[in-house]
Amino acid sequence: MVKILLFSPNPNEFKRVGVYENNKVIDLVKAYELLYDAKPPNWFYDTKDLIEGGDGAMLMIKTILDNLRGNEDKVSYDPEKIFYYPPITNPEKIFLLAVNYKAHGKETNNEPPKEPYIFTKFSNALIGHNQPILYPKASNKVDYEVELAVIIGKKGKYIRKERVSDYVFGYTVFNDISYRDKQFPSEMPYGMRWVHGKGMDTGAPMGPWIVTKDEIPNPYELRLTLRVNGEVRQDAYAEDMIFKIDEIIEYLSNGITLKPGDVISTGTPPGVGLASGKFLKAGDVIEAEISKIGVLRNCLVKEE
């Protein structure tokens, strides 16, 4: 139905939910106040609260947008002049898949797993569109991975594959920033060092917004592209996933309760710096783009 984001007109103002439409960002808080001369519901201050509001919350957005026609300019902003937060700032869980594209596994000399291989990040890593990624003091092999992320829409456990669509709220762009010199172990048999290898501060850019699932009836038609300073490094289609979204969610929910706002990032296609040796450097501009969703842009800034 819509593209949902979390933003402030500037960094000093409070967060609020917006809708991206016709190259404008409509402020739902201001729109509600304009139309009804009343205090907006909590749904319009936090995206996770909005998702938890279910069909009622989304119906209210539709009603506001319908009633606002012709007056959008009174409550909208230029999308290039606002402060973006991650579309979900406080997910209970952030799941990611390792080696979920065969060509990526081949370029990194990894056999495809026999079942989804899951790791996690924490909310300290989340940043929004146009926000800086830190080039940390702790790493000098910083890498990028464009990924399609699924946002969970309602609580569920032991979800069958054929029911998965009922639990999906929408999709967004995720950039799985990786710190390769920290990720790979120097000793066995303990496996990869996922916490520092994947979870440093600002290592999970996400956004710019969530596109609700009705706008993307077939996510496997989506094209994933990543550019560094304008140079295309990754370019593939989501249909190349080894494990599709229904399999991933069935697998994850087997013993784990998924909740509204949980993030599931579905793996990256080939072209990463680990394979090419082209790691990121301070000053690089990274654009992660997925067709029908948008461009997630971030600049790498050296940590002081």
Protein backbone atom coordinates (compact mmCIF):
# COMPACT_ATOMS: atom_id res chain seq x y z
CA MET A 1 0.00 0.00 0.00
CA VAL A 2 2.69 2.52 0.99
CA LYS A 3 6.35 3.24 1.68
CA ILE A 4 6.77 3.77 5.44
CA LEU A 5 9.75 5.54 7.00
CA LEU A 6 10.90 6.97 10.32
CA PHE A 7 12.39 10.46 10.17
CA SER A 8 12.81 13.90 11.67
CA PRO A 9 12.65 17.18 9.75
CA ASN A 10 16.08 17.77 11.31
CA PRO A 11 18.17 15.83 13.87
CA ASN A 12 16.98 17.98 16.79
CA GLU A 13 13.28 17.21 16.36
CA PHE A 14 11.40 14.14 17.56
CA LYS A 15 11.06 11.02 15.43
CA ARG A 16 7.84 10.48 13.55
CA VAL A 17 6.46 8.11 10.90
CA GLY A 18 6.18 9.32 7.34
CA VAL A 19 4.97 8.08 3.98
CA TYR A 20 7.10 8.47 0.86
CA GLU A 21 4.86 9.33 -2.07
CA ASN A 22 5.38 11.26 -5.33
CA ASN A 23 8.90 12.29 -4.29
CA LYS A 24 7.62 13.82 -1.06
CA VAL A 25 7.70 12.64 2.54
CA ILE A 26 4.32 13.15 4.17
CA ASP A 27 4.49 13.72 7.92
CA LEU A 28 1.71 11.59 9.44
CA VAL A 29 1.85 13.44 12.76
CA LYS A 30 1.27 16.81 11.09
CA ALA A 31 -1.27 15.33 8.69
CA TYR A 32 -3.34 13.93 11.55
CA GLU A 33 -3.20 17.25 13.42
CA LEU A 34 -4.22 19.15 10.28
CA LEU A 35 -7.16 16.90 9.49
CA TYR A 36 -8.56 16.19 12.94
CA ASP A 37 -7.20 18.98 15.20
CA ALA A 38 -6.29 16.29 17.73
CA LYS A 39 -3.29 14.50 19.18
CA PRO A 40 -2.07 11.73 16.86
CA PRO A 41 -1.98 8.11 18.07
CA ASN A 42 1.27 6.53 19.26
CA TRP A 43 1.36 4.60 15.99
CA PHE A 44 2.65 7.69 14.23
CA TYR A 45 5.74 8.12 16.42
CA ASP A 46 7.31 4.67 16.09
CA THR A 47 7.28 2.27 13.15
CA LYS A 48 7.24 -0.85 15.30
CA ASP A 49 4.18 0.47 17.17
CA LEU A 50 2.57 1.12 13.79
CA ILE A 51 3.20 -2.45 12.62
CA GLU A 52 1.87 -3.81 15.93
CA GLY A 53 -1.28 -1.78 15.25
CA GLY A 54 -2.08 -4.19 12.43
CA ASP A 55 -4.77 -3.59 9.83
CA GLY A 56 -6.36 -0.83 11.89
CA ALA A 57 -3.23 1.30 11.83
CA MET A 58 -2.74 0.81 8.10
CA LEU A 59 -6.39 1.65 7.42
CA MET A 60 -5.94 4.89 9.35
CA ILE A 61 -2.96 5.80 7.14
CA LYS A 62 -5.01 5.13 4.01
CA THR A 63 -7.85 7.29 5.34
CA ILE A 64 -5.47 10.14 6.16
CA LEU A 65 -3.84 10.02 2.74
CA ASP A 66 -7.23 9.97 1.02
CA ASN A 67 -8.51 12.94 3.06
CA LEU A 68 -5.29 14.86 2.58
CA ARG A 69 -5.44 14.95 -1.23
CA GLY A 70 -4.62 18.42 -2.48
CA ASN A 71 -3.11 19.52 0.83
CA GLU A 72 -0.01 17.32 0.91
CA ASP A 73 2.36 20.29 0.58
CA LYS A 74 1.21 21.61 3.97
CA VAL A 75 2.57 18.54 5.76
CA SER A 76 5.37 17.22 3.52
CA TYR A 77 9.13 17.54 3.16
CA ASP A 78 11.80 17.21 0.51
CA PRO A 79 13.17 13.65 0.95
CA GLU A 80 16.73 14.95 0.44
CA LYS A 81 16.46 17.39 3.35
CA ILE A 82 15.26 15.23 6.24
CA PHE A 83 17.06 13.09 8.83
CA TYR A 84 16.48 9.37 8.29
CA TYR A 85 16.41 6.77 11.02
CA PRO A 86 16.42 3.04 10.32
CA PRO A 87 12.81 2.18 9.41
CA ILE A 88 12.78 0.02 12.56
CA THR A 89 15.04 1.41 15.31
CA ASN A 90 14.27 -1.14 18.00
CA PRO A 91 13.67 -4.62 16.54
CA GLU A 92 13.68 -7.40 19.08
CA LYS A 93 15.63 -9.57 16.64
CA ILE A 94 17.81 -9.02 13.57
CA PHE A 95 18.52 -12.23 11.66
CA LEU A 96 20.85 -12.57 8.68
CA LEU A 97 21.68 -15.46 6.35
CA ALA A 98 25.20 -16.52 5.42
CA VAL A 99 25.83 -17.86 1.90
CA ASN A 100 22.26 -17.70 0.58
CA TYR A 101 23.30 -17.07 -3.04
CA LYS A 102 25.22 -19.86 -4.80
CA ALA A 103 27.47 -17.47 -6.73
CA HIS A 104 28.44 -15.68 -3.52
CA GLY A 105 29.31 -19.01 -1.92
CA LYS A 106 31.42 -19.91 -4.96
CA GLU A 107 33.36 -16.63 -4.93
CA THR A 108 34.16 -17.05 -1.23
CA ASN A 109 34.91 -20.80 -1.53
CA ASN A 110 31.94 -21.85 0.60
CA GLU A 111 29.65 -24.75 -0.21
CA PRO A 112 25.95 -23.88 -0.03
CA PRO A 113 24.57 -24.86 3.39
CA LYS A 114 22.08 -27.70 3.62
CA GLU A 115 19.72 -25.54 5.68
CA PRO A 116 19.58 -21.79 6.31
CA TYR A 117 22.69 -20.65 8.18
CA ILE A 118 21.67 -17.85 10.54
CA PHE A 119 23.65 -15.21 12.41
CA THR A 120 22.51 -12.03 14.15
CA LYS A 121 23.28 -8.38 14.60
CA PHE A 122 22.22 -6.03 17.38
CA SER A 123 20.47 -2.68 17.28
CA ASN A 124 23.74 -0.79 17.97
CA ALA A 125 24.62 -1.49 14.34
CA LEU A 126 21.47 0.04 12.82
CA ILE A 127 21.64 3.35 10.99
CA GLY A 128 19.39 5.01 8.43
CA HIS A 129 19.70 6.34 4.90
CA ASN A 130 22.27 9.13 4.42
CA GLN A 131 23.81 8.46 7.85
CA PRO A 132 27.56 7.79 8.18
CA ILE A 133 29.06 4.33 8.49
CA LEU A 134 32.07 4.39 10.80
CA TYR A 135 35.35 3.09 9.43
CA PRO A 136 36.34 1.70 12.82
CA LYS A 137 39.69 1.84 14.54
CA ALA A 138 39.26 -1.90 15.14
CA SER A 139 39.26 -3.04 11.48
CA ASN A 140 40.97 -2.33 8.17
CA LYS A 141 39.01 -4.77 6.00
CA VAL A 142 35.54 -3.22 5.87
CA ASP A 143 33.19 -4.85 3.36
CA TYR A 144 29.66 -4.33 1.99
CA GLU A 145 26.76 -6.70 1.22
CA VAL A 146 23.50 -5.51 -0.34
CA GLU A 147 20.57 -7.60 0.89
CA LEU A 148 16.79 -7.76 0.72
CA ALA A 149 15.37 -7.58 4.24
CA VAL A 150 11.95 -8.83 5.30
CA ILE A 151 10.07 -7.04 8.09
CA ILE A 152 7.80 -9.26 10.18
CA GLY A 153 4.24 -7.98 10.55
CA LYS A 154 2.69 -10.11 13.27
CA LYS A 155 3.62 -12.51 16.04
CA GLY A 156 4.10 -16.11 15.00
CA LYS A 157 5.79 -19.38 15.88
CA TYR A 158 6.01 -22.69 13.99
CA ILE A 159 4.84 -20.90 10.85
CA ARG A 160 4.18 -23.19 7.89
CA LYS A 161 5.62 -22.20 4.52
CA GLU A 162 2.22 -21.75 2.92
CA ARG A 163 1.23 -19.25 5.65
CA VAL A 164 4.39 -17.12 5.61
CA SER A 165 2.87 -14.26 3.58
CA ASP A 166 0.42 -13.63 6.44
CA TYR A 167 3.36 -12.75 8.71
CA VAL A 168 5.27 -10.43 6.36
CA PHE A 169 4.72 -6.68 6.69
CA GLY A 170 7.05 -5.54 3.94
CA TYR A 171 10.55 -5.24 2.54
CA THR A 172 13.51 -2.89 2.80
CA VAL A 173 17.15 -2.55 1.75
CA PHE A 174 19.84 -3.80 4.13
CA ASN A 175 23.61 -3.37 3.84
CA ASP A 176 25.41 -6.03 5.87
CA ILE A 177 28.67 -4.21 6.61
CA SER A 178 31.31 -6.80 7.50
CA TYR A 179 34.72 -6.58 9.13
CA ARG A 180 36.61 -9.41 7.46
CA ASP A 181 39.81 -9.22 9.50
CA LYS A 182 37.68 -9.75 12.62
CA GLN A 183 35.24 -12.25 11.14
CA PHE A 184 37.58 -15.06 10.23
CA PRO A 185 39.20 -16.99 13.06
CA SER A 186 42.84 -17.76 13.55
CA GLU A 187 42.04 -20.85 15.54
CA MET A 188 39.71 -23.79 15.18
CA PRO A 189 37.28 -25.39 15.90
CA TYR A 190 35.28 -22.44 17.18
CA GLY A 191 34.05 -21.06 13.87
CA MET A 192 33.72 -17.48 12.69
CA ARG A 193 33.81 -14.52 15.06
CA TRP A 194 30.37 -13.23 14.19
CA VAL A 195 30.03 -10.58 16.91
CA HIS A 196 32.93 -8.33 15.94
CA GLY A 197 33.02 -9.59 12.36
CA LYS A 198 29.49 -8.34 11.72
CA GLY A 199 28.26 -6.33 14.66
CA MET A 200 30.34 -3.20 15.10
CA ASP A 201 28.61 0.15 15.54
CA THR A 202 26.87 1.45 12.37
CA GLY A 203 27.41 -1.89 10.61
CA ALA A 204 23.76 -2.34 9.60
CA PRO A 205 22.48 0.47 7.37
CA MET A 206 18.80 -0.10 6.58
CA GLY A 207 16.17 1.82 4.65
CA PRO A 208 15.32 4.31 3.35
CA TRP A 209 11.80 2.96 4.01
CA ILE A 210 9.72 -0.20 4.19
CA VAL A 211 7.62 -1.05 1.15
CA THR A 212 4.48 -2.90 2.21
CA LYS A 213 4.16 -6.41 0.80
CA ASP A 214 1.17 -5.63 -1.44
CA GLU A 215 3.43 -3.43 -3.60
CA ILE A 216 5.83 -6.36 -4.15
CA PRO A 217 3.75 -9.45 -4.95
CA ASN A 218 6.85 -11.33 -6.16
CA PRO A 219 10.03 -10.36 -4.26
CA TYR A 220 12.14 -12.72 -6.40
CA GLU A 221 11.81 -10.34 -9.36
CA LEU A 222 13.71 -7.66 -7.44
CA ARG A 223 17.13 -6.61 -8.68
CA LEU A 224 19.86 -5.99 -6.09
CA THR A 225 22.69 -3.61 -7.01
CA LEU A 226 25.50 -2.13 -4.96
CA ARG A 227 27.72 0.73 -6.10
CA VAL A 228 30.84 2.14 -4.47
CA ASN A 229 31.59 5.69 -5.67
CA GLY A 230 29.40 4.94 -8.69
CA GLU A 231 31.17 1.68 -9.61
CA VAL A 232 28.85 -1.34 -9.71
CA ARG A 233 30.19 -4.05 -7.42
CA GLN A 234 27.11 -6.29 -7.01
CA ASP A 235 24.24 -6.87 -9.43
CA ALA A 236 21.86 -9.84 -9.26
CA TYR A 237 18.24 -10.87 -8.77
CA ALA A 238 16.59 -12.16 -5.61
CA GLU A 239 15.45 -15.23 -7.50
CA ASP A 240 19.03 -16.49 -7.10
CA MET A 241 18.49 -17.09 -3.37
CA ILE A 242 19.15 -20.66 -2.29
CA PHE A 243 16.56 -20.58 0.48
CA LYS A 244 13.48 -18.55 -0.35
CA ILE A 245 11.63 -16.36 2.14
CA ASP A 246 8.98 -18.95 2.97
CA GLU A 247 11.65 -21.54 3.80
CA ILE A 248 13.64 -19.04 5.87
CA ILE A 249 10.68 -17.97 8.00
CA GLU A 250 9.47 -21.54 8.50
CA TYR A 251 12.99 -22.45 9.62
CA LEU A 252 13.47 -19.47 11.94
CA SER A 253 10.07 -19.78 13.59
CA ASN A 254 10.73 -23.41 14.48
CA GLY A 255 11.05 -22.76 18.22
CA ILE A 256 11.59 -18.98 18.00
CA THR A 257 8.66 -16.56 18.27
CA LEU A 258 8.86 -13.92 15.54
CA LYS A 259 7.43 -10.54 16.50
CA PRO A 260 6.30 -7.40 14.67
CA GLY A 261 9.30 -5.38 13.57
CA ASP A 262 11.76 -8.28 13.56
CA VAL A 263 14.20 -8.02 10.65
CA ILE A 264 15.30 -10.93 8.47
CA SER A 265 18.01 -10.07 5.95
CA THR A 266 18.11 -12.74 3.28
CA GLY A 267 21.75 -12.89 2.16
CA THR A 268 23.90 -11.21 -0.47
CA PRO A 269 24.73 -11.90 -4.12
CA PRO A 270 28.31 -12.10 -5.48
CA GLY A 271 30.69 -9.18 -5.83
CA VAL A 272 31.79 -8.55 -2.25
CA GLY A 273 35.16 -7.10 -1.34
CA LEU A 274 36.22 -10.34 0.33
CA ALA A 275 36.33 -11.97 -3.10
CA SER A 276 37.73 -9.08 -5.14
CA GLY A 277 40.08 -7.57 -2.55
CA LYS A 278 38.34 -4.22 -3.05
CA PHE A 279 37.59 -3.30 0.53
CA LEU A 280 35.99 -0.02 1.54
CA LYS A 281 37.95 3.05 2.61
CA ALA A 282 37.06 6.23 4.44
CA GLY A 283 35.25 8.66 2.15
CA ASP A 284 33.59 5.97 0.01
CA VAL A 285 29.93 6.47 -0.88
CA ILE A 286 28.01 3.19 -0.86
CA GLU A 287 24.66 2.92 -2.64
CA ALA A 288 22.68 -0.25 -2.04
CA GLU A 289 19.69 -0.36 -4.38
CA ILE A 290 16.78 -2.76 -4.78
CA SER A 291 14.27 -2.26 -7.57
CA LYS A 292 10.76 -1.22 -6.46
CA ILE A 293 12.17 -0.25 -3.05
CA GLY A 294 14.83 2.41 -3.51
CA VAL A 295 18.42 3.44 -2.85
CA LEU A 296 20.08 3.22 0.57
CA ARG A 297 23.04 5.62 0.52
CA ASN A 298 25.74 5.91 3.18
CA CYS A 299 29.22 7.42 3.37
CA LEU A 300 32.12 5.81 5.17
CA VAL A 301 33.64 8.13 7.77
CA LYS A 302 36.84 7.43 9.70
CA GLU A 303 36.25 6.89 13.40
CA GLU A 304 37.97 9.55 15.50
